[in-house]
Protein backbone atom coordinates (compact mmCIF):
# COMPACT_ATOMS: atom_id res chain seq x y z
CA MET A 1 -66.17 33.84 -30.64
CA LYS A 2 -67.85 32.17 -27.69
CA ASP A 3 -70.72 29.81 -28.40
CA ARG A 4 -73.46 32.04 -27.04
CA GLN A 5 -76.61 33.35 -28.67
CA PRO A 6 -78.08 36.64 -27.41
CA PRO A 7 -81.85 36.73 -26.95
CA SER A 8 -83.87 37.86 -29.96
CA SER A 9 -86.07 40.19 -27.91
CA ALA A 10 -86.10 41.90 -24.53
CA PRO A 11 -86.92 39.38 -21.78
CA ASN A 12 -90.19 39.65 -19.87
CA LEU A 13 -89.45 40.44 -16.23
CA ARG A 14 -92.05 38.05 -14.80
CA ILE A 15 -92.23 34.55 -13.40
CA PRO A 16 -95.37 32.74 -14.62
CA ILE A 17 -98.14 32.49 -11.99
CA LEU A 18 -95.96 33.64 -9.07
CA SER A 19 -95.30 37.19 -10.29
CA PRO A 20 -98.96 37.94 -11.24
CA VAL A 21 -100.27 36.52 -7.94
CA LEU A 22 -97.83 38.58 -5.84
CA HIS A 23 -98.59 41.65 -7.95
CA CYS A 24 -102.36 41.34 -7.45
CA LEU A 25 -101.98 40.74 -3.71
CA ALA A 26 -99.67 43.71 -3.23
CA MET A 27 -101.37 46.27 -5.50
CA PRO A 28 -104.16 47.30 -3.04
CA VAL A 29 -101.42 48.29 -0.58
CA ILE A 30 -99.02 49.78 -3.15
CA VAL A 31 -101.60 52.35 -4.32
CA TYR A 32 -101.59 53.75 -0.77
CA LEU A 33 -97.78 53.91 -0.55
CA ARG A 34 -96.70 55.27 -3.95
CA SER A 35 -97.64 57.42 -6.95
CA SER A 36 -96.40 58.18 -10.51
CA PHE A 37 -96.72 54.63 -11.84
CA GLY A 38 -95.87 53.47 -15.35
CA PHE A 39 -98.90 52.63 -17.47
CA SER A 40 -98.08 48.91 -17.84
CA TYR A 41 -97.31 48.55 -14.12
CA LEU A 42 -101.04 48.94 -13.35
CA ARG A 43 -101.81 45.65 -15.13
CA PRO A 44 -103.87 43.48 -15.29
CA ARG A 45 -106.56 46.14 -15.64
CA SER A 46 -109.35 43.67 -16.42
CA VAL A 47 -108.70 41.82 -13.15
CA PHE A 48 -108.61 45.01 -11.10
CA PHE A 49 -111.76 46.26 -12.81
CA ALA A 50 -113.57 43.06 -11.80
CA LEU A 51 -112.23 43.29 -8.23
CA SER A 52 -113.23 46.96 -8.02
CA TRP A 53 -116.78 46.16 -9.13
CA ALA A 54 -117.03 43.27 -6.64
CA MET A 55 -115.73 45.44 -3.79
CA ALA A 56 -118.17 48.23 -4.67
CA LEU A 57 -121.11 45.79 -4.53
CA PHE A 58 -119.83 44.38 -1.24
CA CYS A 59 -119.57 47.85 0.29
CA VAL A 60 -123.15 48.66 -0.75
CA TYR A 61 -124.35 45.40 0.82
CA VAL A 62 -122.47 45.96 4.07
CA TRP A 63 -123.70 49.57 4.30
CA HIS A 64 -127.33 48.45 4.20
CA GLU A 65 -126.81 45.61 6.68
CA ARG A 66 -125.97 47.25 10.00
CA GLU A 67 -125.18 43.97 11.73
CA VAL A 68 -122.65 43.08 9.04
CA TRP A 69 -121.16 46.60 9.09
CA GLY A 70 -119.81 46.14 12.59
CA ARG A 71 -117.64 43.25 11.39
CA TYR A 72 -116.57 44.41 7.93
CA TRP A 73 -116.33 48.21 8.30
CA ALA A 74 -112.50 48.26 8.15
CA VAL A 75 -112.37 46.00 5.09
CA CYS A 76 -114.93 48.17 3.29
CA MET A 77 -113.15 51.44 4.07
CA PHE A 78 -109.77 50.05 3.04
CA GLY A 79 -111.20 48.48 -0.14
CA ALA A 80 -113.10 51.61 -1.16
CA GLY A 81 -109.97 53.72 -0.69
CA ALA A 82 -107.88 51.26 -2.72
CA ILE A 83 -110.43 51.36 -5.57
CA LEU A 84 -110.45 55.17 -5.70
CA LEU A 85 -106.65 55.38 -5.54
CA TYR A 86 -106.10 52.68 -8.19
CA TRP A 87 -108.35 54.31 -10.78
CA THR A 88 -106.96 57.74 -9.94
CA HIS A 89 -103.44 56.46 -10.59
CA PHE A 90 -104.68 54.78 -13.77
CA LEU A 91 -106.22 57.99 -15.13
CA VAL A 92 -103.09 59.98 -14.27
CA ALA A 93 -100.89 57.41 -16.08
CA PHE A 94 -103.30 57.35 -19.05
CA PHE A 95 -103.24 61.13 -19.56
CA ARG A 96 -99.47 61.24 -19.10
CA GLU A 97 -99.16 58.68 -21.88
CA LEU A 98 -101.63 60.66 -23.99
CA TYR A 99 -99.57 63.84 -23.68
CA ARG A 100 -96.24 61.96 -23.89
CA ARG A 101 -95.11 62.84 -20.38
CA GLY A 102 -95.47 59.38 -18.85
CA GLU A 103 -92.99 57.44 -16.78
CA HIS A 104 -91.30 54.27 -18.01
CA ASP A 105 -94.02 51.68 -18.74
CA HIS A 106 -92.94 49.38 -15.90
CA ASP A 107 -92.06 52.13 -13.38
CA SER A 108 -93.17 50.88 -9.94
CA GLY A 109 -93.87 54.39 -8.67
CA THR A 110 -92.28 56.69 -6.11
CA SER A 111 -92.86 56.35 -2.37
CA HIS A 112 -94.79 59.24 -0.79
CA LEU A 113 -92.33 59.36 2.12
CA LEU A 114 -89.31 59.56 -0.18
CA ARG A 115 -91.04 62.26 -2.21
CA LEU A 116 -91.54 64.33 0.95
CA LEU A 117 -87.91 63.89 1.94
CA ARG A 118 -86.83 65.01 -1.54
CA LEU A 119 -88.71 68.25 -1.00
CA ARG A 120 -86.31 68.84 1.89
CA LYS A 121 -83.35 68.54 -0.52
CA LYS A 122 -82.47 64.98 0.45
CA LEU A 123 -81.20 62.81 -2.42
CA PHE A 124 -81.31 59.02 -2.51
CA THR A 125 -79.41 56.46 -4.57
CA PRO A 126 -81.22 53.75 -6.56
CA LEU A 127 -79.84 51.19 -4.08
CA PHE A 128 -81.44 53.06 -1.16
CA GLU A 129 -84.80 53.22 -2.97
CA MET A 130 -84.58 49.50 -3.76
CA ASN A 131 -83.94 48.66 -0.09
CA TRP A 132 -86.77 50.99 0.91
CA GLN A 133 -89.21 49.07 -1.30
CA ILE A 134 -87.97 45.65 -0.18
CA TRP A 135 -87.75 46.27 3.56
CA ALA A 136 -89.20 49.61 4.74
CA GLU A 137 -92.55 49.57 2.95
CA PRO A 138 -93.42 45.94 3.87
CA GLY A 139 -92.34 46.75 7.43
CA LEU A 140 -94.76 49.70 7.54
CA VAL A 141 -97.59 47.52 6.24
CA LEU A 142 -96.84 44.82 8.82
CA MET A 143 -96.75 47.42 11.60
CA MET A 144 -100.09 48.87 10.46
CA GLY A 145 -101.66 45.40 10.62
CA ILE A 146 -100.33 44.74 14.11
CA VAL A 147 -101.39 48.17 15.43
CA LEU A 148 -104.87 47.82 13.90
CA LYS A 149 -105.33 44.44 15.56
CA LEU A 150 -104.06 45.54 18.98
CA ILE A 151 -105.89 48.88 19.17
CA THR A 152 -109.25 48.18 17.50
CA GLY A 153 -109.41 44.40 17.81
CA GLU A 154 -110.20 44.15 14.08
CA LYS A 155 -109.17 40.76 12.67
CA LEU A 156 -109.91 40.59 8.93
CA LEU A 157 -108.10 43.66 7.60
CA SER A 158 -105.24 43.34 10.09
CA SER A 159 -104.69 39.70 9.03
CA TRP A 160 -104.82 40.75 5.36
CA LEU A 161 -102.17 43.43 5.93
CA MET A 162 -99.90 41.02 7.80
CA ILE A 163 -100.16 38.54 4.89
CA THR A 164 -99.64 41.24 2.27
CA ALA A 165 -96.43 42.57 3.88
CA PRO A 166 -94.24 39.51 3.09
CA CYS A 167 -95.88 39.24 -0.36
CA LEU A 168 -94.87 42.83 -1.12
CA SER A 169 -91.31 42.18 0.05
CA LEU A 170 -91.03 38.97 -2.01
CA LYS A 171 -92.44 40.73 -5.08
CA GLU A 172 -89.79 43.47 -4.89
CA CYS A 173 -87.01 40.92 -4.27
CA LEU A 174 -88.03 38.98 -7.40
CA ASN A 175 -88.18 42.19 -9.46
CA PHE A 176 -84.69 43.16 -8.30
CA TRP A 177 -83.29 39.71 -9.15
CA LEU A 178 -84.92 39.65 -12.59
CA GLN A 179 -83.56 43.14 -13.35
CA LEU A 180 -80.07 41.92 -12.47
CA ARG A 181 -80.48 38.98 -14.86
CA GLN A 182 -81.78 41.26 -17.63
CA LYS A 183 -78.81 43.60 -17.18
CA LYS A 184 -76.41 40.62 -17.36
CA ARG A 185 -78.05 39.36 -20.58
CA HIS A 186 -77.74 42.81 -22.16
CA GLU A 187 -74.07 43.01 -21.19
CA ASP A 188 -73.44 39.53 -22.65
CA ALA A 189 -75.18 40.46 -25.91
CA GLN A 190 -73.13 43.66 -26.16
CA GLU A 191 -69.91 41.78 -25.45
CA ASP A 192 -70.71 39.17 -28.10
CA ALA A 193 -71.39 41.84 -30.71
CA PHE A 194 -68.07 43.58 -30.11
CA GLU A 195 -66.20 40.30 -30.13
CA LEU A 196 -67.70 39.70 -33.55
CA ILE A 197 -66.66 43.01 -35.10
CA GLY A 198 -63.32 43.17 -33.29
CA GLU A 199 -61.91 45.74 -30.92
CA ASP A 200 -60.08 47.73 -33.58
CA ASP A 201 -63.06 47.91 -35.83
CA ALA A 202 -65.35 48.82 -32.91
CA GLY A 203 -63.09 51.67 -31.86
CA SER A 204 -62.96 53.26 -35.30
CA GLU A 205 -65.39 55.97 -36.16
CA GLY A 206 -67.39 56.00 -39.33
CA PRO A 207 -70.62 57.37 -40.69
CA ILE A 208 -73.78 55.47 -39.89
CA PRO A 209 -75.18 54.03 -43.13
CA LEU A 210 -78.33 55.73 -44.32
CA PRO A 211 -80.89 54.33 -46.73
CA ALA A 212 -79.78 55.23 -50.25
CA ARG A 213 -82.07 55.81 -53.20
CA HIS A 214 -81.23 53.52 -56.10
CA GLU A 215 -82.69 53.04 -59.50
CA ARG A 216 -85.44 50.46 -59.65
CA VAL A 217 -83.89 47.04 -60.07
CA LYS A 218 -85.22 43.55 -60.30
CA ARG A 219 -85.44 42.10 -56.84
CA GLN A 220 -84.32 38.59 -56.11
CA ARG A 221 -86.70 37.03 -53.64
CA ILE A 222 -85.41 34.82 -50.86
CA SER A 223 -86.36 31.23 -51.62
CA GLY A 224 -89.75 30.02 -50.44
CA GLN A 225 -90.73 33.27 -48.77
CA SER A 226 -94.35 33.84 -47.79
CA ALA A 227 -96.26 37.07 -47.27
CA GLU A 228 -95.30 37.00 -43.59
CA GLU A 229 -91.62 36.57 -44.46
CA GLU A 230 -91.89 39.44 -46.91
CA LEU A 231 -93.05 41.73 -44.09
CA THR A 232 -90.24 40.42 -41.88
CA ILE A 233 -87.67 41.18 -44.60
CA GLN A 234 -89.01 44.71 -44.99
CA ARG A 235 -88.84 45.33 -41.23
CA PHE A 236 -85.33 43.93 -40.80
CA SER A 237 -83.96 45.70 -43.88
CA LYS A 238 -85.29 48.97 -42.51
CA LEU A 239 -83.60 48.27 -39.16
CA LEU A 240 -80.25 47.60 -40.89
CA HIS A 241 -80.68 50.48 -43.38
CA ILE A 242 -80.15 48.26 -46.43
CA THR A 243 -82.03 48.11 -49.72
CA PRO A 244 -82.54 45.36 -52.36
CA PRO A 245 -80.83 43.43 -53.80
CA PHE A 246 -79.76 42.09 -50.39
CA THR A 247 -76.32 40.57 -49.87
CA LEU A 248 -74.82 39.12 -46.73
CA ALA A 249 -71.76 41.38 -47.00
CA THR A 250 -73.92 44.52 -47.12
CA ALA A 251 -76.00 43.36 -44.15
CA GLU A 252 -72.89 42.53 -42.08
CA SER A 253 -71.26 45.89 -42.88
CA SER A 254 -74.37 47.86 -41.98
CA TYR A 255 -74.81 45.84 -38.76
CA ARG A 256 -71.25 46.61 -37.64
CA GLN A 257 -71.71 50.33 -38.24
CA LEU A 258 -75.00 50.45 -36.33
CA VAL A 259 -73.67 48.46 -33.36
CA LYS A 260 -70.93 51.07 -32.86
CA GLN A 261 -73.59 53.50 -31.65
CA PHE A 262 -73.93 51.58 -28.39
CA GLY A 263 -70.29 51.96 -27.31
CA GLY A 264 -68.26 49.27 -25.63
CA ASP A 265 -68.49 49.96 -21.90
CA GLY A 266 -71.58 52.02 -21.06
CA GLU A 267 -74.75 50.55 -19.61
CA LEU A 268 -77.65 50.35 -22.07
CA THR A 269 -80.94 52.09 -21.41
CA PRO A 270 -84.13 50.00 -21.85
CA ASP A 271 -84.75 51.59 -25.27
CA GLN A 272 -81.15 50.98 -26.37
CA ALA A 273 -81.34 47.38 -25.17
CA THR A 274 -84.50 46.81 -27.21
CA LYS A 275 -82.89 48.38 -30.29
CA PHE A 276 -79.74 46.29 -29.78
CA SER A 277 -81.77 43.06 -29.54
CA GLU A 278 -83.68 43.97 -32.72
CA LEU A 279 -80.42 44.49 -34.60
CA ASN A 280 -79.17 41.08 -33.44
CA GLU A 281 -82.43 39.49 -34.56
CA ALA A 282 -82.22 41.21 -37.97
CA ILE A 283 -78.63 40.16 -38.72
CA ALA A 284 -79.38 36.60 -37.55
CA PHE A 285 -82.30 36.46 -40.00
CA PHE A 286 -80.21 37.64 -42.98
CA ARG A 287 -77.31 35.34 -42.07
CA LYS A 288 -79.64 32.36 -42.11
CA HIS A 289 -81.59 33.14 -45.27
CA LEU A 290 -78.89 34.76 -47.39
CA SER A 291 -76.43 31.99 -46.59
CA ASN A 292 -79.02 29.51 -47.88
CA GLU A 293 -79.26 31.52 -51.11
CA LYS A 294 -75.49 31.52 -51.42
CA GLN A 295 -75.43 27.73 -51.20
CA GLY A 296 -77.42 27.45 -54.41
CA SER A 297 -81.13 27.77 -53.73
CA PRO A 298 -82.77 28.98 -56.96
CA PRO A 299 -84.42 32.42 -56.89
CA GLN A 300 -88.19 32.71 -57.03
CA ASP A 301 -90.34 35.13 -59.01
CA GLU A 302 -88.99 38.62 -59.59
CA GLU A 303 -90.85 41.85 -59.13
CA PRO A 304 -91.83 43.60 -62.36
């Protein structure tokens, strides 16, 4: 067994400071380019609510000051459109979640142009869509900024669009890289689990253990456990489908049976990867605490 420890929970696909800044800079443009977002992708909602309120007040001010309108009309029109589109996308995502028809939480949306091409029976691979988001969409934004500056002579919005284009491209490049790293970590965790149970054992088929109803027995508490640890034990025992009194052999056997559900070669879905990480966290908890009991730690109070 290689000396590697799989992560206890699904990694967060973000780089502190850099990812949120790029996300906030790119979102006013993204709402124009795509639709069908995941609910969590529209974060941080408090920041966008504050920006929406500030932009609304600015538009009201510029509208009543005719001299200022001549300079900021493009910024106001673009900002007002971005506000309306953002909250429209938010409401659509909210009601899809409410009626359980939502996209994946972190779905970055579907390009309007690709959606139109799909209506003409054209199919695209995930690699093509990734390249479209990294190169084509930022290129369109950059072109819009250049055309706006050359044709109308507007400077503020055109400069903003030309700055946003590379930010959008960098944001999508980082997301693609982090997804590759997440996929690699999931594959490593899956490989480690099957090395542990052995190829022969992994290939054999057997029934998945189900919680069994036993007569009420005195329960041996794990030494020094607090109320928080008690809740953790209940959660992990439910994940592993085991009941008190807990033994390391029972936990290991149940873990091996449950891991077989994930197969040996297939790629894990996000839900399967989360479930797989939770199983690893549960068995690691019982290995640590039950091994301490086995070494001679005296039991605590027993349940009546």
